[in-house]
Protein backbone atom coordinates (compact mmCIF):
# COMPACT_ATOMS: atom_id res chain seq x y z
CA UNK A 1 -26.18 8.68 17.64
CA UNK A 2 -23.48 6.06 17.25
CA UNK A 3 -25.75 4.10 14.92
CA UNK A 4 -25.38 6.85 12.34
CA UNK A 5 -21.60 7.05 12.64
CA UNK A 6 -18.95 5.24 10.68
CA UNK A 7 -18.31 2.89 13.55
CA UNK A 8 -21.93 1.91 14.18
CA UNK A 9 -22.56 -1.73 14.92
CA UNK A 10 -25.21 -4.37 14.98
CA UNK A 11 -23.72 -7.66 16.12
CA UNK A 12 -23.96 -10.28 13.39
CA UNK A 13 -25.25 -13.67 14.47
CA UNK A 14 -23.27 -16.08 12.40
CA UNK A 15 -25.12 -19.27 11.62
CA UNK A 16 -28.61 -17.79 12.03
CA UNK A 17 -29.09 -17.85 8.26
CA UNK A 18 -28.31 -21.53 8.03
CA UNK A 19 -31.58 -23.09 9.13
CA UNK A 20 -33.05 -25.58 6.72
CA UNK A 21 -29.76 -26.83 5.30
CA UNK A 22 -28.24 -30.04 6.67
CA UNK A 23 -24.93 -29.50 8.41
CA UNK A 24 -22.04 -31.82 7.74
CA UNK A 25 -20.52 -33.50 10.77
CA UNK A 26 -17.50 -31.70 12.21
CA UNK A 27 -15.10 -32.72 14.94
CA UNK A 28 -16.71 -31.83 18.28
CA UNK A 29 -13.47 -30.62 19.85
CA UNK A 30 -12.80 -28.39 16.87
CA UNK A 31 -16.32 -27.01 17.06
CA UNK A 32 -15.92 -26.39 20.78
CA UNK A 33 -12.72 -24.43 20.22
CA UNK A 34 -14.32 -22.43 17.44
CA UNK A 35 -17.35 -21.68 19.62
CA UNK A 36 -15.13 -20.47 22.48
CA UNK A 37 -13.18 -18.24 20.10
CA UNK A 38 -16.41 -16.80 18.72
CA UNK A 39 -17.58 -15.97 22.26
CA UNK A 40 -14.26 -14.32 23.09
CA UNK A 41 -14.20 -12.21 19.96
CA UNK A 42 -17.84 -11.21 20.47
CA UNK A 43 -17.03 -9.94 23.96
CA UNK A 44 -13.96 -8.10 22.69
CA UNK A 45 -16.04 -6.50 19.96
CA UNK A 46 -18.65 -5.34 22.48
CA UNK A 47 -15.90 -3.78 24.63
CA UNK A 48 -14.37 -2.04 21.62
CA UNK A 49 -17.76 -0.69 20.59
CA UNK A 50 -18.38 0.62 24.09
CA UNK A 51 -15.04 2.46 24.00
CA UNK A 52 -15.97 4.10 20.70
CA UNK A 53 -19.42 5.05 21.94
CA UNK A 54 -17.94 6.59 25.08
CA UNK A 55 -15.49 8.65 23.05
CA UNK A 56 -18.28 9.85 20.76
CA UNK A 57 -20.31 10.89 23.80
CA UNK A 58 -17.37 12.56 25.55
CA UNK A 59 -16.34 14.70 22.59
CA UNK A 60 -19.63 15.95 21.17
CA UNK A 61 -19.90 19.00 23.41
CA UNK A 62 -16.22 19.83 22.89
CA UNK A 63 -16.71 19.77 19.14
CA UNK A 64 -19.57 22.24 19.55
CA UNK A 65 -17.29 24.44 21.68
CA UNK A 66 -14.97 24.84 18.69
CA UNK A 67 -17.58 25.06 15.95
CA UNK A 68 -21.12 26.12 16.81
CA UNK A 69 -21.17 27.50 20.36
CA UNK A 70 -21.40 31.25 20.84
CA UNK A 71 -17.72 31.49 21.78
CA UNK A 72 -16.40 29.08 19.15
CA UNK A 73 -14.20 31.64 17.40
CA UNK A 74 -12.61 32.60 20.71
CA UNK A 75 -12.07 28.96 21.67
CA UNK A 76 -10.26 28.30 18.40
CA UNK A 77 -8.25 31.49 18.81
CA UNK A 78 -7.02 30.29 22.20
CA UNK A 79 -5.66 27.14 20.57
CA UNK A 80 -4.03 29.22 17.83
CA UNK A 81 -2.27 31.54 20.27
CA UNK A 82 -1.05 28.57 22.31
CA UNK A 83 0.56 27.08 19.22
CA UNK A 84 1.99 30.43 18.15
CA UNK A 85 3.61 30.80 21.59
CA UNK A 86 5.02 27.28 21.29
CA UNK A 87 6.66 27.91 17.91
CA UNK A 88 9.94 29.03 19.49
CA UNK A 89 10.16 25.78 21.44
CA UNK A 90 9.31 23.80 18.31
CA UNK A 91 11.96 25.58 16.26
CA UNK A 92 14.58 24.88 18.93
CA UNK A 93 13.74 21.18 18.89
CA UNK A 94 13.90 21.05 15.13
CA UNK A 95 17.23 22.87 15.05
CA UNK A 96 18.66 20.55 17.71
CA UNK A 97 17.51 17.53 15.76
CA UNK A 98 19.32 18.46 12.55
CA UNK A 99 22.29 16.39 11.46
CA UNK A 100 25.44 18.03 10.10
CA UNK A 101 23.65 21.23 9.06
CA UNK A 102 20.93 19.29 7.30
CA UNK A 103 17.37 20.02 8.43
CA UNK A 104 15.09 17.39 9.85
CA UNK A 105 13.06 15.34 7.41
CA UNK A 106 9.36 16.19 7.28
CA UNK A 107 8.09 13.30 9.50
CA UNK A 108 10.53 14.32 12.21
CA UNK A 109 9.52 17.98 11.91
CA UNK A 110 5.85 17.04 12.25
CA UNK A 111 6.67 14.97 15.33
CA UNK A 112 8.63 17.80 16.91
CA UNK A 113 5.90 20.34 16.21
CA UNK A 114 3.22 18.04 17.58
CA UNK A 115 5.16 17.46 20.78
CA UNK A 116 5.77 21.18 21.23
CA UNK A 117 2.11 22.05 20.65
CA UNK A 118 0.34 19.42 22.73
CA UNK A 119 0.80 20.62 26.30
CA UNK A 120 0.21 24.34 25.58
CA UNK A 121 -2.88 23.58 23.50
CA UNK A 122 -4.31 21.28 26.16
CA UNK A 123 -3.76 23.95 28.80
CA UNK A 124 -5.21 26.78 26.71
CA UNK A 125 -8.86 25.70 26.99
CA UNK A 126 -11.24 23.16 28.47
CA UNK A 127 -11.54 21.23 25.21
CA UNK A 128 -11.12 17.48 25.68
CA UNK A 129 -7.48 16.45 25.33
CA UNK A 130 -8.25 14.02 22.48
CA UNK A 131 -9.72 16.81 20.36
CA UNK A 132 -7.00 19.27 21.39
CA UNK A 133 -4.29 16.75 20.45
CA UNK A 134 -5.97 16.15 17.11
CA UNK A 135 -5.88 19.88 16.32
CA UNK A 136 -2.22 20.02 17.35
CA UNK A 137 -1.36 17.10 15.11
CA UNK A 138 -3.23 18.45 12.11
CA UNK A 139 -1.59 21.88 12.35
CA UNK A 140 1.80 20.19 12.77
CA UNK A 141 1.19 18.29 9.55
CA UNK A 142 0.24 21.53 7.82
CA UNK A 143 3.45 23.23 8.92
CA UNK A 144 5.70 20.20 8.62
CA UNK A 145 6.28 20.70 4.93
CA UNK A 146 8.08 23.99 5.58
CA UNK A 147 11.81 23.85 6.22
CA UNK A 148 11.86 27.47 7.43
CA UNK A 149 9.44 28.11 10.27
CA UNK A 150 10.72 31.47 11.44
CA UNK A 151 8.04 33.39 9.55
CA UNK A 152 5.10 31.34 10.86
CA UNK A 153 2.72 33.59 12.76
CA UNK A 154 -0.62 33.29 14.51
CA UNK A 155 -2.57 34.20 11.39
CA UNK A 156 -1.07 31.34 9.38
CA UNK A 157 -1.87 28.94 12.21
CA UNK A 158 -5.38 30.42 12.39
CA UNK A 159 -5.94 29.59 8.74
CA UNK A 160 -4.85 25.99 9.29
CA UNK A 161 -7.12 25.61 12.33
CA UNK A 162 -10.16 27.13 10.63
CA UNK A 163 -9.64 24.87 7.60
CA UNK A 164 -10.03 21.81 9.83
CA UNK A 165 -13.71 22.56 10.42
CA UNK A 166 -16.42 22.74 7.77
CA UNK A 167 -19.11 25.36 8.38
CA UNK A 168 -22.32 23.87 9.84
CA UNK A 169 -20.92 20.33 9.72
CA UNK A 170 -22.61 18.17 12.34
CA UNK A 171 -20.55 16.15 14.80
CA UNK A 172 -21.41 12.76 13.21
CA UNK A 173 -20.36 14.05 9.79
CA UNK A 174 -17.09 15.42 11.18
CA UNK A 175 -16.42 12.12 12.95
CA UNK A 176 -17.06 10.13 9.78
CA UNK A 177 -15.16 12.47 7.47
CA UNK A 178 -11.92 12.85 9.33
CA UNK A 179 -11.73 12.60 13.10
CA UNK A 180 -12.05 8.82 13.55
CA UNK A 181 -9.08 8.15 11.23
CA UNK A 182 -6.13 6.68 13.16
CA UNK A 183 -7.86 6.89 16.54
CA UNK A 184 -6.69 4.00 18.73
CA UNK A 185 -10.32 3.26 19.62
CA UNK A 186 -11.28 3.10 15.94
CA UNK A 187 -8.37 0.81 15.12
CA UNK A 188 -9.20 -1.44 18.08
CA UNK A 189 -12.82 -1.58 16.96
CA UNK A 190 -11.84 -2.47 13.40
CA UNK A 191 -9.45 -5.15 14.60
CA UNK A 192 -12.04 -6.60 16.97
CA UNK A 193 -14.65 -6.64 14.22
CA UNK A 194 -12.32 -8.44 11.83
CA UNK A 195 -11.44 -10.98 14.52
CA UNK A 196 -15.13 -11.59 15.22
CA UNK A 197 -15.90 -12.01 11.54
CA UNK A 198 -12.99 -14.41 11.08
CA UNK A 199 -14.11 -16.45 14.08
CA UNK A 200 -17.67 -16.54 12.73
CA UNK A 201 -16.49 -17.66 9.32
CA UNK A 202 -14.35 -20.37 10.92
CA UNK A 203 -17.37 -21.67 12.82
CA UNK A 204 -19.61 -21.47 9.78
CA UNK A 205 -17.13 -23.36 7.61
CA UNK A 206 -16.85 -26.09 10.20
CA UNK A 207 -20.62 -26.50 10.36
CA UNK A 208 -21.45 -25.91 6.70
CA UNK A 209 -18.43 -26.44 4.45
CA UNK A 210 -20.73 -27.11 1.51
CA UNK A 211 -21.70 -23.45 1.48
CA UNK A 212 -18.26 -22.29 0.52
CA UNK A 213 -16.02 -22.95 -2.42
CA UNK A 214 -15.63 -26.58 -3.46
CA UNK A 215 -12.28 -26.64 -1.68
CA UNK A 216 -13.13 -24.08 0.99
CA UNK A 217 -11.48 -21.30 -1.03
CA UNK A 218 -11.34 -17.83 0.36
CA UNK A 219 -12.80 -15.08 -1.76
CA UNK A 220 -10.41 -13.06 -3.96
CA UNK A 221 -9.09 -9.81 -2.43
CA UNK A 222 -11.84 -7.27 -1.90
CA UNK A 223 -14.57 -9.89 -2.33
CA UNK A 224 -16.61 -12.12 -0.05
CA UNK A 225 -18.02 -15.60 -0.57
CA UNK A 226 -21.80 -15.78 -0.86
CA UNK A 227 -22.85 -19.23 0.36
CA UNK A 228 -24.46 -21.64 -2.05
CA UNK A 229 -27.85 -23.05 -1.27
CA UNK A 230 -31.54 -22.82 -2.06
CA UNK A 231 -32.75 -19.24 -1.80
CA UNK A 232 -36.33 -18.03 -1.67
CA UNK A 233 -36.37 -14.78 -3.66
CA UNK A 234 -39.14 -12.25 -4.24
CA UNK A 235 -41.90 -11.41 -4.64
CA UNK A 236 -40.34 -8.12 -5.63
CA UNK A 237 -41.89 -4.71 -5.15
CA UNK A 238 -41.35 -1.60 -7.26
CA UNK A 239 -40.91 -3.23 -10.65
CA UNK A 240 -42.66 -6.50 -9.78
CA UNK A 241 -41.25 -9.97 -10.18
CA UNK A 242 -42.89 -13.07 -8.68
CA UNK A 243 -41.61 -15.24 -5.85
CA UNK A 244 -39.11 -17.89 -6.95
CA UNK A 245 -36.83 -20.50 -5.46
CA UNK A 246 -33.29 -20.49 -6.83
CA UNK A 247 -30.48 -22.95 -6.16
CA UNK A 248 -27.18 -21.07 -6.33
CA UNK A 249 -23.63 -22.28 -6.25
CA UNK A 250 -21.24 -20.38 -3.99
CA UNK A 251 -19.87 -17.27 -5.69
CA UNK A 252 -17.80 -14.24 -4.78
CA UNK A 253 -19.12 -10.67 -4.61
CA UNK A 254 -17.34 -7.36 -4.10
CA UNK A 255 -17.52 -6.30 -0.48
CA UNK A 256 -18.44 -2.78 -1.54
CA UNK A 257 -19.50 -0.82 -4.60
CA UNK A 258 -16.81 0.04 -7.13
CA UNK A 259 -15.34 3.38 -6.08
CA UNK A 260 -14.34 6.41 -8.10
CA UNK A 261 -10.68 5.61 -7.42
CA UNK A 262 -11.07 2.04 -8.64
CA UNK A 263 -12.93 3.12 -11.75
CA UNK A 264 -10.32 5.79 -12.49
CA UNK A 265 -7.60 3.13 -12.35
CA UNK A 266 -9.53 1.11 -14.91
CA UNK A 267 -10.07 4.13 -17.13
CA UNK A 268 -6.40 5.13 -17.03
CA UNK A 269 -5.38 1.69 -18.34
CA UNK A 270 -7.64 1.77 -21.38
CA UNK A 271 -6.51 2.58 -24.94
CA UNK A 272 -7.02 6.23 -25.80
CA UNK A 273 -9.67 5.57 -28.49
CA UNK A 274 -11.80 3.61 -26.01
CA UNK A 275 -11.65 6.06 -23.12
CA UNK A 276 -14.31 8.64 -24.13
CA UNK A 277 -17.05 6.00 -24.26
CA UNK A 278 -16.11 4.81 -20.78
CA UNK A 279 -16.33 8.21 -19.06
CA UNK A 280 -19.07 8.45 -16.40
CA UNK A 281 -21.21 11.54 -16.58
CA UNK A 282 -19.29 14.53 -15.22
CA UNK A 283 -15.84 13.02 -15.76
CA UNK A 284 -13.23 14.32 -18.19
CA UNK A 285 -9.84 13.30 -19.54
CA UNK A 286 -6.60 15.24 -19.25
CA UNK A 287 -4.46 15.87 -22.30
CA UNK A 288 -2.42 12.83 -21.33
CA UNK A 289 -5.49 10.60 -21.09
CA UNK A 290 -5.81 10.47 -17.30
CA UNK A 291 -9.20 10.45 -15.62
CA UNK A 292 -10.36 13.76 -14.15
CA UNK A 293 -12.92 13.64 -11.35
CA UNK A 294 -13.46 15.08 -7.88
CA UNK A 295 -10.58 13.43 -6.04
CA UNK A 296 -12.06 14.30 -2.64
CA UNK A 297 -14.57 11.56 -3.48
CA UNK A 298 -12.09 8.77 -4.18
CA UNK A 299 -13.84 6.36 -1.84
CA UNK A 300 -17.38 7.23 -2.92
CA UNK A 301 -19.09 4.78 -5.27
CA UNK A 302 -18.75 5.69 -8.91
CA UNK A 303 -22.18 6.72 -10.24
CA UNK A 304 -23.74 7.74 -13.51
CA UNK A 305 -22.11 4.78 -15.25
CA UNK A 306 -24.15 3.01 -17.89
CA UNK A 307 -24.51 -0.75 -18.15
CA UNK A 308 -21.87 -1.13 -20.86
CA UNK A 309 -19.34 0.83 -18.80
CA UNK A 310 -20.02 -1.30 -15.72
CA UNK A 311 -19.72 -4.50 -17.74
CA UNK A 312 -16.46 -3.29 -19.31
CA UNK A 313 -14.97 -2.62 -15.89
CA UNK A 314 -16.06 -6.05 -14.64
CA UNK A 315 -14.46 -7.78 -17.64
CA UNK A 316 -11.23 -5.80 -17.17
CA UNK A 317 -11.15 -6.87 -13.50
CA UNK A 318 -11.64 -10.53 -14.44
CA UNK A 319 -15.13 -10.50 -12.97
CA UNK A 320 -18.72 -10.03 -14.14
CA UNK A 321 -21.87 -8.22 -13.05
CA UNK A 322 -24.03 -10.22 -10.64
CA UNK A 323 -27.36 -11.59 -11.76
CA UNK A 324 -30.37 -10.13 -10.04
CA UNK A 325 -30.94 -13.38 -8.14
CA UNK A 326 -27.34 -13.40 -6.94
CA UNK A 327 -27.64 -9.79 -5.82
CA UNK A 328 -30.81 -10.49 -3.82
CA UNK A 329 -29.34 -13.67 -2.33
CA UNK A 330 -26.30 -11.70 -1.15
CA UNK A 331 -28.46 -8.93 0.32
CA UNK A 332 -31.04 -11.05 2.10
CA UNK A 333 -29.15 -14.25 2.87
CA UNK A 334 -30.56 -17.74 3.12
CA UNK A 335 -33.09 -16.52 5.68
CA UNK A 336 -34.45 -13.89 3.27
CA UNK A 337 -33.98 -10.78 5.38
CA UNK A 338 -36.07 -7.74 4.62
CA UNK A 339 -32.97 -5.54 4.88
CA UNK A 340 -29.33 -6.59 4.75
CA UNK A 341 -28.98 -6.17 8.54
CA UNK A 342 -32.25 -7.87 9.56
CA UNK A 343 -36.01 -7.76 9.25
CA UNK A 344 -36.60 -4.37 10.88
CA UNK A 345 -35.68 -1.04 9.32
CA UNK A 346 -33.05 0.81 11.36
CA UNK A 347 -32.55 4.55 11.08
CA UNK A 348 -28.96 5.46 10.28
CA UNK A 349 -28.07 2.03 8.94
CA UNK A 350 -27.91 3.04 5.30
CA UNK A 351 -27.30 6.15 3.23
CA UNK A 352 -30.89 6.71 2.18
CA UNK A 353 -33.21 9.72 2.09
CA UNK A 354 -32.76 12.00 5.08
CA UNK A 355 -29.25 10.76 5.90
CA UNK A 356 -27.22 12.59 3.28
CA UNK A 357 -27.77 14.63 0.14
CA UNK A 358 -25.06 12.75 -1.72
CA UNK A 359 -23.16 9.51 -1.83
CA UNK A 360 -20.90 8.68 1.11
CA UNK A 361 -17.62 6.75 1.22
CA UNK A 362 -18.14 3.02 0.83
CA UNK A 363 -18.18 0.97 4.03
CA UNK A 364 -19.57 3.87 6.06
CA UNK A 365 -22.10 1.62 7.79
CA UNK A 366 -20.32 -1.54 9.01
CA UNK A 367 -23.17 -2.36 11.39
CA UNK A 368 -25.50 -2.77 8.43
CA UNK A 369 -23.58 -5.44 6.57
CA UNK A 370 -25.35 -8.27 4.81
CA UNK A 371 -25.32 -11.86 6.16
CA UNK A 372 -22.15 -12.55 4.18
CA UNK A 373 -20.49 -9.28 5.16
CA UNK A 374 -21.09 -7.07 2.12
CA UNK A 375 -21.37 -3.32 2.62
CA UNK A 376 -23.91 -0.87 1.20
CA UNK A 377 -26.37 -3.31 -0.31
CA UNK A 378 -28.95 -0.79 0.86
CA UNK A 379 -28.58 2.86 -0.14
CA UNK A 380 -25.68 4.99 -1.37
CA UNK A 381 -26.02 4.05 -5.07
CA UNK A 382 -28.29 1.86 -7.15
CA UNK A 383 -26.43 -1.13 -8.58
CA UNK A 384 -26.58 -2.66 -12.03
CA UNK A 385 -27.27 -6.37 -12.40
CA UNK A 386 -26.95 -8.65 -15.43
CA UNK A 387 -30.67 -9.37 -15.56
CA UNK A 388 -33.23 -7.83 -17.88
CA UNK A 389 -36.58 -6.45 -16.77
CA UNK A 390 -38.28 -9.76 -17.69
CA UNK A 391 -35.90 -11.82 -15.53
CA UNK A 392 -33.60 -13.02 -18.31
CA UNK A 393 -29.93 -13.16 -17.32
CA UNK A 394 -27.52 -11.78 -19.90
CA UNK A 395 -23.81 -11.64 -20.64
CA UNK A 396 -24.05 -8.99 -23.33
CA UNK A 397 -26.72 -6.33 -23.73
CA UNK A 398 -29.13 -7.27 -26.53
CA UNK A 399 -29.93 -4.84 -29.30
CA UNK A 400 -32.88 -2.52 -28.99
CA UNK A 401 -34.52 -0.65 -26.16
CA UNK A 402 -34.21 -2.91 -23.13
CA UNK A 403 -34.43 -2.27 -19.43
CA UNK A 404 -32.04 -3.83 -16.94
CA UNK A 405 -32.79 -4.54 -13.27
CA UNK A 406 -31.10 -2.30 -10.72
CA UNK A 407 -31.15 -2.98 -7.01
CA UNK A 408 -30.34 -1.52 -3.61
CA UNK A 409 -31.66 2.03 -3.70
CA UNK A 410 -29.54 5.15 -3.31
CA UNK A 411 -29.01 8.14 -1.06
CA UNK A 412 -32.33 9.47 -2.38
CA UNK A 413 -34.34 6.34 -1.57
CA UNK A 414 -37.04 5.96 1.04
CA UNK A 415 -37.01 2.83 3.17
CA UNK A 416 -39.21 0.78 0.82
CA UNK A 417 -36.55 1.09 -1.89
CA UNK A 418 -33.81 0.04 0.52
CA UNK A 419 -35.42 -3.35 1.13
CA UNK A 420 -33.69 -6.44 -0.24
CA UNK A 421 -36.71 -7.30 -2.41
CA UNK A 422 -37.19 -3.79 -3.82
CA UNK A 423 -36.60 -3.77 -7.57
CA UNK A 424 -36.33 -1.13 -10.25
CA UNK A 425 -35.08 -0.93 -13.81
CA UNK A 426 -33.01 1.44 -15.92
CA UNK A 427 -32.46 1.82 -19.67
CA UNK A 428 -29.81 -0.60 -20.82
CA UNK A 429 -28.63 1.42 -23.81
CA UNK A 430 -26.65 4.33 -22.36
CA UNK A 431 -29.01 5.33 -19.58
CA UNK A 432 -27.26 8.68 -19.14
CA UNK A 433 -27.40 9.89 -22.72
CA UNK A 434 -30.38 12.02 -21.70
CA UNK A 435 -29.35 15.00 -19.55
CA UNK A 436 -32.59 14.68 -17.58
CA UNK A 437 -31.83 11.14 -16.43
CA UNK A 438 -29.80 11.40 -13.25
CA UNK A 439 -30.59 8.30 -11.20
CA UNK A 440 -27.37 7.59 -9.21
CA UNK A 441 -26.48 4.13 -10.52
CA UNK A 442 -23.21 2.39 -9.74
CA UNK A 443 -22.29 -1.29 -9.51
CA UNK A 444 -20.29 -4.03 -7.85
CA UNK A 445 -18.84 -7.17 -9.41
CA UNK A 446 -19.28 -10.89 -8.94
CA UNK A 447 -17.04 -13.84 -9.73
CA UNK A 448 -17.53 -17.57 -10.11
CA UNK A 449 -15.42 -19.59 -7.70
CA UNK A 450 -12.97 -21.99 -9.33
């Protein structure tokens, strides 16, 4: 199960992609220290993953108790009544905490409510304390905006509790959507993963400095360095392209697809006359020229953007669209992986067909990262490149009816389209002008290193 969750993991083996390229000599003591650090961070990451897996296992049945079991409504009602009974205690704490007749500020009210709720809610049912505490905290946040709590009754609390759970939402979806946020185990896992990645990069730079920027530069914020080297690319399936060997200089690539929030920021900064042409399908503008979209999907990749819109965003960000060869090199690495995470397909490692009926937030599958650490190079949304169907790299779209290569597959794609060598094309001239064309295409940006 954990493999399909936000905090799924496949341990990356740093350096495995480096065969066939001569390593520069590095100080042996420095290498030894880096190797020891890599071992330590790998062990810490394994421990953090085990803690997350255990929590996922421990809480699954308790989630069902509150959502899908035959007595779920009664189990939730018990929590509600426990909080309703605790309201008097909470109000007393809030009143005592006021200063000179001024009420508590909202954060303090939320803290007081949470503290008052926790013990009664834990004692009201057999639900695991971590899930019970989460419910207490969420209801406290919902009530914390009110300065007058005397009128709060069980029915208002019931509405807040019921709103926490989406009908028929499976436990992995609930975990990914909301529950993992701010969990100590999740934060420890994220920290351990970052430490492991940093240690791996330190080792890799010591062994192969030529694969990074000319002066060992770090990638710009939100981007990762794709090592330079000689890549074997293709042969490509889908829309065929023959096998080729390409020498690439190191370059930077966005760690994830451009999100709705990021695209909205770009759109809001554009001159009013230019904005309509930059709207993705389904988006609108307010009377004041602000982007209107489903803000519950801020962290989902922006889709239904045409090539010109993607290129305009990239130029605004000081970047460019990646060539098709760069995209494939980033996805498969120097060892030419069949999928970003390795040579075997893994269920639940990408948002493809059968996983979701829609896009998911970017970075939902950290265990499926590419050799250089990029997220979502398989599934979620197709991605524009700056390469035409015939393999010609472009800066500007030529006139006429041309097709541009897209890569990566989407949430609708079967496993063959999720492969690093799978290739398809889309109309370059406003692909979404036809209402029947609804392929979910997004993009990410690249940048030359200075």
